[in-house]
Amino acid sequence: MDSIYYIPIVIVLIFLSLVTVQQGTVAITTIFGKYNRTLYPGLSFRIPFIEQIFKRISVQNRAVELNFQAVTVDQANVHFTSLLLFSVMDNAEETVKKVAFRFVGDRDFMASLTRTVEGSIRSFVATKKQQEVLLLRREITDAVKVNIDHMLEDWGFHLIDLQINDITFDEEVMRSMSKIVAANNLKAAAENEGQALLITKTKAAEAEGNAIKISAEAEREAARMRGQAVALFREEVARGMSQAAKEMHTANLDTSVILFSMWTEAIKNFTEHGKGNVIFLDGSVDGMQKTMKELMALNQMDFSEQKRGGNK
């Protein structure tokens, strides 16, 4: 009967000795305030009333958003919004002991981490000018990572990523920067428009010059061909008249018949292809005789020159 009274006590002791550790966390136990061991996820046993759960530590990734302000070397206020992603390095005993006993509590740890990140960024920005900050987002991130990573390792943590999501200035600075950007855009637009207009006018002048040059070359070529055609025509006419004159002279015929035939052919051609133009000719007998004498004189002169050329 006495043993029955011990059963509830045993059950309570067993219940107090059971410890459940959730996945993604580890538990630190102490005995009389001194580190004893690390409990990993699952069901574990402890010494009731003596072995205490000092702290449960999450080994999952942690994220914290930071908002702070820095001042550039030219006294411009810069507002930063950054995201810090970190986690416990591993669940090894020494690492877990660092995480558990380095700081009094999580609030102190977060305060130290936040101030360290802010100090690193502020020290970097303090050496840069306002216009340089927006272009150095990657450099700022890299510089802070180098400083923070070593410090977190000493605390038992590992820096996964640091992102600077937003960089802004005071409202007056933003307005002045917007005006500067707008002025630069207008200047660039004006320069581009001027360059486009210059190119357009230059190309138009080049095209006009090429057109004039091509037209002049075409006209010169046409004039040359017309001259050659007229020269060939005259040469053929002279050759035909000379041949006809020789044959008529050999046959003891009057060569004036050739001139008369040419005269009549010329008048016929004038009437057929004149296209309404008026040509005044002396159609009287005296006029015809006068024209025939002039043609005969020209023919005689041409025949004499050809004869002298043949004798030479």
Protein backbone atom coordinates (compact mmCIF):
# COMPACT_ATOMS: atom_id res chain seq x y z
CA MET A 1 0.00 0.00 0.00
CA ASP A 2 2.85 2.45 0.70
CA SER A 3 4.25 2.00 -2.81
CA ILE A 4 0.99 3.29 -4.29
CA TYR A 5 1.69 6.74 -2.86
CA TYR A 6 5.02 6.89 -4.73
CA ILE A 7 3.46 6.29 -8.15
CA PRO A 8 2.18 9.89 -8.60
CA ILE A 9 5.54 11.24 -7.47
CA VAL A 10 7.35 9.07 -10.03
CA ILE A 11 4.96 10.18 -12.75
CA VAL A 12 5.54 13.86 -11.92
CA LEU A 13 9.31 13.35 -11.89
CA ILE A 14 9.19 11.61 -15.28
CA PHE A 15 7.03 14.41 -16.67
CA LEU A 16 9.43 17.07 -15.38
CA SER A 17 12.41 15.22 -16.85
CA LEU A 18 11.01 15.25 -20.38
CA VAL A 19 12.12 18.10 -22.67
CA THR A 20 10.91 18.70 -26.23
CA VAL A 21 13.12 20.76 -28.58
CA GLN A 22 11.48 22.09 -31.74
CA GLN A 23 13.00 21.62 -35.19
CA GLY A 24 15.27 24.51 -36.16
CA THR A 25 16.26 25.24 -32.55
CA VAL A 26 18.64 23.96 -29.88
CA ALA A 27 18.35 24.23 -26.09
CA ILE A 28 21.10 25.13 -23.63
CA THR A 29 20.94 23.55 -20.17
CA THR A 30 22.75 24.59 -17.03
CA ILE A 31 23.29 23.00 -13.64
CA PHE A 32 23.53 25.48 -10.81
CA GLY A 33 24.12 28.25 -13.36
CA LYS A 34 26.94 26.50 -15.22
CA TYR A 35 26.72 25.28 -18.80
CA ASN A 36 25.93 21.60 -18.90
CA ARG A 37 25.01 20.46 -22.40
CA THR A 38 23.16 21.25 -25.64
CA LEU A 39 19.83 19.59 -26.45
CA TYR A 40 18.98 19.09 -30.13
CA PRO A 41 15.54 18.79 -31.81
CA GLY A 42 13.39 15.97 -30.52
CA LEU A 43 12.58 14.45 -27.12
CA SER A 44 15.30 14.59 -24.46
CA PHE A 45 15.59 13.91 -20.75
CA ARG A 46 17.00 16.15 -18.03
CA ILE A 47 17.55 16.01 -14.29
CA PRO A 48 14.42 17.46 -12.71
CA PHE A 49 14.83 20.59 -10.56
CA ILE A 50 18.61 20.56 -11.07
CA GLU A 51 19.18 20.80 -14.82
CA GLN A 52 17.51 23.95 -16.13
CA ILE A 53 16.75 25.14 -19.67
CA PHE A 54 18.82 28.33 -19.88
CA LYS A 55 17.96 29.43 -23.44
CA ARG A 56 16.45 28.13 -26.64
CA ILE A 57 18.37 29.30 -29.71
CA SER A 58 17.00 29.35 -33.24
CA VAL A 59 19.44 28.20 -35.94
CA GLN A 60 17.15 29.44 -38.72
CA ASN A 61 17.84 32.54 -40.83
CA ARG A 62 17.01 35.86 -39.22
CA ALA A 63 16.20 39.14 -40.95
CA VAL A 64 16.22 42.66 -39.54
CA GLU A 65 15.35 45.90 -41.32
CA LEU A 66 17.44 48.94 -40.45
CA ASN A 67 16.58 52.60 -40.98
CA PHE A 68 19.21 55.21 -40.19
CA GLN A 69 20.83 58.41 -41.40
CA ALA A 70 24.37 59.33 -42.48
CA VAL A 71 26.12 62.58 -43.45
CA THR A 72 28.35 62.98 -46.50
CA VAL A 73 31.59 64.95 -46.63
CA ASP A 74 29.71 67.91 -48.16
CA GLN A 75 27.19 67.90 -45.27
CA ALA A 76 24.24 66.24 -47.04
CA ASN A 77 21.93 64.02 -45.01
CA VAL A 78 21.45 60.56 -46.51
CA HIS A 79 18.69 58.22 -45.35
CA PHE A 80 19.27 54.48 -45.67
CA THR A 81 16.89 51.53 -45.57
CA SER A 82 18.73 48.21 -45.43
CA LEU A 83 17.95 44.57 -44.84
CA LEU A 84 20.33 42.37 -42.86
CA LEU A 85 20.07 38.59 -43.22
CA PHE A 86 22.09 36.39 -40.83
CA SER A 87 21.99 33.08 -38.95
CA VAL A 88 23.85 30.97 -36.40
CA MET A 89 26.98 29.54 -38.02
CA ASP A 90 26.18 25.94 -37.03
CA ASN A 91 24.78 23.93 -34.11
CA ALA A 92 28.17 22.84 -32.79
CA GLU A 93 28.60 23.08 -29.04
CA GLU A 94 31.20 25.85 -29.06
CA THR A 95 29.19 27.93 -31.51
CA VAL A 96 26.01 27.54 -29.51
CA LYS A 97 27.83 28.52 -26.30
CA LYS A 98 29.00 31.76 -27.99
CA VAL A 99 25.48 32.60 -29.07
CA ALA A 100 24.00 31.79 -25.68
CA PHE A 101 26.45 33.53 -23.36
CA ARG A 102 27.96 36.39 -25.44
CA PHE A 103 25.10 38.80 -24.71
CA VAL A 104 22.71 39.20 -21.82
CA GLY A 105 19.71 39.00 -24.11
CA ASP A 106 18.55 39.24 -27.71
CA ARG A 107 17.80 42.95 -27.29
CA ASP A 108 21.43 43.68 -26.47
CA PHE A 109 22.58 41.57 -29.41
CA MET A 110 20.29 43.36 -31.87
CA ALA A 111 21.30 46.77 -30.52
CA SER A 112 25.00 45.94 -30.98
CA LEU A 113 24.41 44.57 -34.47
CA THR A 114 22.34 47.55 -35.55
CA ARG A 115 24.80 50.11 -34.24
CA THR A 116 27.71 48.29 -35.85
CA VAL A 117 26.05 48.28 -39.28
CA GLU A 118 25.07 51.95 -38.94
CA GLY A 119 28.58 52.90 -37.85
CA SER A 120 30.19 51.09 -40.77
CA ILE A 121 27.92 52.75 -43.32
CA ARG A 122 28.26 56.18 -41.74
CA SER A 123 32.06 55.97 -41.67
CA PHE A 124 32.09 55.02 -45.35
CA VAL A 125 29.59 57.70 -46.43
CA ALA A 126 31.43 60.38 -44.42
CA THR A 127 34.32 60.19 -46.92
CA LYS A 128 32.12 60.53 -50.02
CA LYS A 129 30.29 63.40 -51.67
CA GLN A 130 26.56 63.62 -52.16
CA GLN A 131 26.68 62.86 -55.88
CA GLU A 132 28.88 59.80 -55.30
CA VAL A 133 26.65 58.04 -52.79
CA LEU A 134 23.98 56.93 -55.26
CA LEU A 135 26.62 55.40 -57.52
CA LEU A 136 28.42 53.54 -54.71
CA ARG A 137 25.61 51.30 -53.49
CA ARG A 138 27.58 48.13 -54.22
CA GLU A 139 30.80 49.52 -52.74
CA ILE A 140 29.01 50.51 -49.53
CA THR A 141 27.50 47.05 -49.22
CA ASP A 142 30.83 45.30 -49.77
CA ALA A 143 32.64 47.52 -47.25
CA VAL A 144 30.03 46.88 -44.55
CA LYS A 145 30.00 43.13 -45.21
CA VAL A 146 33.72 42.89 -44.60
CA ASN A 147 33.43 44.63 -41.22
CA ILE A 148 30.25 42.90 -40.06
CA ASP A 149 31.16 39.38 -41.12
CA HIS A 150 34.24 39.14 -38.88
CA MET A 151 32.36 40.55 -35.93
CA LEU A 152 29.41 38.16 -36.34
CA GLU A 153 31.74 35.19 -36.56
CA ASP A 154 33.17 36.14 -33.17
CA TRP A 155 29.60 36.15 -31.83
CA GLY A 156 28.79 32.76 -33.37
CA PHE A 157 26.76 34.10 -36.30
CA HIS A 158 27.23 34.22 -40.07
CA LEU A 159 26.27 37.11 -42.34
CA ILE A 160 24.23 35.78 -45.26
CA ASP A 161 23.40 39.01 -47.07
CA LEU A 162 23.19 42.76 -46.65
CA GLN A 163 21.00 44.75 -49.01
CA ILE A 164 20.67 48.52 -49.18
CA ASN A 165 17.15 48.84 -50.50
CA ASP A 166 16.71 52.60 -50.52
CA ILE A 167 18.95 55.68 -50.45
CA THR A 168 17.23 59.06 -50.16
CA PHE A 169 18.17 62.61 -49.28
CA ASP A 170 16.38 65.48 -47.58
CA GLU A 171 13.48 66.98 -49.48
CA GLU A 172 15.36 70.14 -50.44
CA VAL A 173 18.32 68.13 -51.67
CA MET A 174 16.00 65.88 -53.70
CA ARG A 175 14.38 68.92 -55.31
CA SER A 176 17.73 70.43 -56.21
CA MET A 177 18.94 67.10 -57.61
CA SER A 178 15.76 66.82 -59.67
CA LYS A 179 16.35 70.31 -61.07
CA ILE A 180 19.93 69.43 -61.92
CA VAL A 181 18.84 66.24 -63.66
CA ALA A 182 16.10 68.09 -65.55
CA ALA A 183 18.56 70.79 -66.63
CA ASN A 184 21.06 68.18 -67.79
CA ASN A 185 18.32 66.37 -69.71
CA LEU A 186 17.24 69.60 -71.39
CA LYS A 187 20.84 70.39 -72.25
CA ALA A 188 21.39 66.92 -73.68
CA ALA A 189 18.12 67.16 -75.64
CA ALA A 190 19.13 70.55 -77.06
CA GLU A 191 22.56 69.23 -78.03
CA ASN A 192 21.02 66.17 -79.66
CA GLU A 193 18.50 68.32 -81.51
CA GLY A 194 21.27 70.64 -82.70
CA GLN A 195 23.37 67.69 -83.84
CA ALA A 196 20.37 66.20 -85.64
CA LEU A 197 19.62 69.52 -87.36
CA LEU A 198 23.26 69.92 -88.35
CA ILE A 199 23.38 66.40 -89.75
CA THR A 200 20.12 66.97 -91.64
CA LYS A 201 21.33 70.22 -93.20
CA THR A 202 24.73 68.73 -93.98
CA LYS A 203 23.16 65.72 -95.68
CA ALA A 204 20.74 67.97 -97.58
CA ALA A 205 23.62 70.16 -98.76
CA GLU A 206 25.63 67.10 -99.76
CA ALA A 207 22.63 65.69 -101.64
CA GLU A 208 22.01 68.99 -103.40
CA GLY A 209 25.69 69.27 -104.30
CA ASN A 210 25.75 65.71 -105.60
CA ALA A 211 22.58 66.37 -107.62
CA ILE A 212 24.10 69.50 -109.17
CA LYS A 213 27.32 67.65 -109.89
CA ILE A 214 25.49 64.73 -111.46
CA SER A 215 23.29 67.09 -113.50
CA ALA A 216 26.33 69.05 -114.70
CA GLU A 217 28.19 65.89 -115.63
CA ALA A 218 25.13 64.58 -117.44
CA GLU A 219 24.70 67.87 -119.30
CA ARG A 220 28.37 67.96 -120.22
CA GLU A 221 28.21 64.37 -121.44
CA ALA A 222 25.06 65.17 -123.43
CA ALA A 223 26.68 68.25 -124.97
CA ARG A 224 29.76 66.21 -125.85
CA MET A 225 27.65 63.53 -127.49
CA ARG A 226 25.60 66.15 -129.35
CA GLY A 227 28.82 67.73 -130.58
CA GLN A 228 30.13 64.39 -131.69
CA ALA A 229 26.86 63.64 -133.45
CA VAL A 230 26.90 67.00 -135.27
CA ALA A 231 30.55 66.52 -136.19
CA LEU A 232 29.83 63.03 -137.52
CA PHE A 233 26.84 64.35 -139.41
CA ARG A 234 28.87 67.11 -141.01
CA GLU A 235 31.67 64.68 -141.77
CA GLU A 236 29.29 62.28 -143.47
CA VAL A 237 27.61 65.09 -145.41
CA ALA A 238 30.96 66.44 -146.54
CA ARG A 239 32.12 62.97 -147.48
CA GLY A 240 28.92 62.32 -149.44
CA MET A 241 29.04 65.68 -151.21
CA SER A 242 32.71 65.21 -152.04
CA GLN A 243 32.06 61.74 -153.44
CA ALA A 244 29.07 62.94 -155.45
CA ALA A 245 31.01 65.93 -156.77
CA LYS A 246 33.87 63.70 -157.86
CA GLU A 247 31.54 61.36 -159.69
CA MET A 248 29.69 64.22 -161.42
CA HIS A 249 32.95 65.90 -162.30
CA THR A 250 34.20 62.66 -163.83
CA ALA A 251 30.96 62.41 -165.80
CA ASN A 252 31.30 66.08 -166.95
CA LEU A 253 28.08 67.02 -165.11
CA ASP A 254 27.32 70.25 -163.35
CA THR A 255 27.85 69.84 -159.59
CA SER A 256 25.34 72.58 -158.86
CA VAL A 257 22.65 69.96 -159.25
CA ILE A 258 23.79 68.55 -155.90
CA LEU A 259 23.46 71.91 -154.22
CA PHE A 260 20.05 72.44 -155.75
CA SER A 261 18.96 69.02 -154.50
CA MET A 262 20.24 69.83 -151.01
CA TRP A 263 18.45 73.16 -151.09
CA THR A 264 15.15 71.55 -151.98
CA GLU A 265 15.63 68.81 -149.39
CA ALA A 266 16.35 71.44 -146.75
CA ILE A 267 13.20 73.37 -147.56
CA LYS A 268 11.20 70.12 -147.53
CA ASN A 269 12.64 69.22 -144.11
CA PHE A 270 11.78 72.69 -142.77
CA THR A 271 8.19 72.31 -143.79
CA GLU A 272 7.78 68.77 -142.46
CA HIS A 273 9.53 69.14 -139.09
CA GLY A 274 9.30 72.82 -138.37
CA LYS A 275 6.61 72.37 -135.66
CA GLY A 276 5.04 75.74 -136.34
CA ASN A 277 8.26 77.77 -136.42
CA VAL A 278 8.51 80.50 -139.07
CA ILE A 279 11.62 80.65 -141.24
CA PHE A 280 11.90 83.48 -143.70
CA LEU A 281 13.49 82.47 -147.03
CA ASP A 282 13.83 84.45 -150.21
CA GLY A 283 11.76 82.39 -152.62
CA SER A 284 12.32 84.60 -155.66
CA VAL A 285 14.41 83.54 -158.63
CA ASP A 286 17.07 86.06 -157.75
CA GLY A 287 17.16 84.84 -154.20
CA MET A 288 17.47 81.25 -155.30
CA GLN A 289 20.27 82.17 -157.72
CA LYS A 290 22.07 84.10 -155.02
CA THR A 291 21.81 81.17 -152.61
CA MET A 292 22.95 78.74 -155.29
CA LYS A 293 26.00 80.88 -156.05
CA GLU A 294 26.92 80.97 -152.37
CA LEU A 295 26.54 77.20 -152.05
CA MET A 296 28.57 76.65 -155.22
CA ALA A 297 31.29 78.93 -153.91
CA LEU A 298 31.41 76.95 -150.64
CA ASN A 299 31.46 73.69 -152.58
CA GLN A 300 34.23 74.93 -154.85
CA MET A 301 36.25 76.02 -151.83
CA ASP A 302 35.79 72.66 -150.17
CA PHE A 303 36.73 70.83 -153.38
CA SER A 304 39.90 72.96 -153.77
CA GLU A 305 40.95 72.24 -150.19
CA GLN A 306 40.40 68.51 -150.66
CA LYS A 307 42.41 68.62 -153.89
CA ARG A 308 45.31 70.39 -152.21
CA GLY A 309 45.20 67.89 -149.43
CA GLY A 310 45.34 65.04 -151.96
CA ASN A 311 48.33 66.56 -153.73
CA LYS A 312 50.16 66.78 -150.46
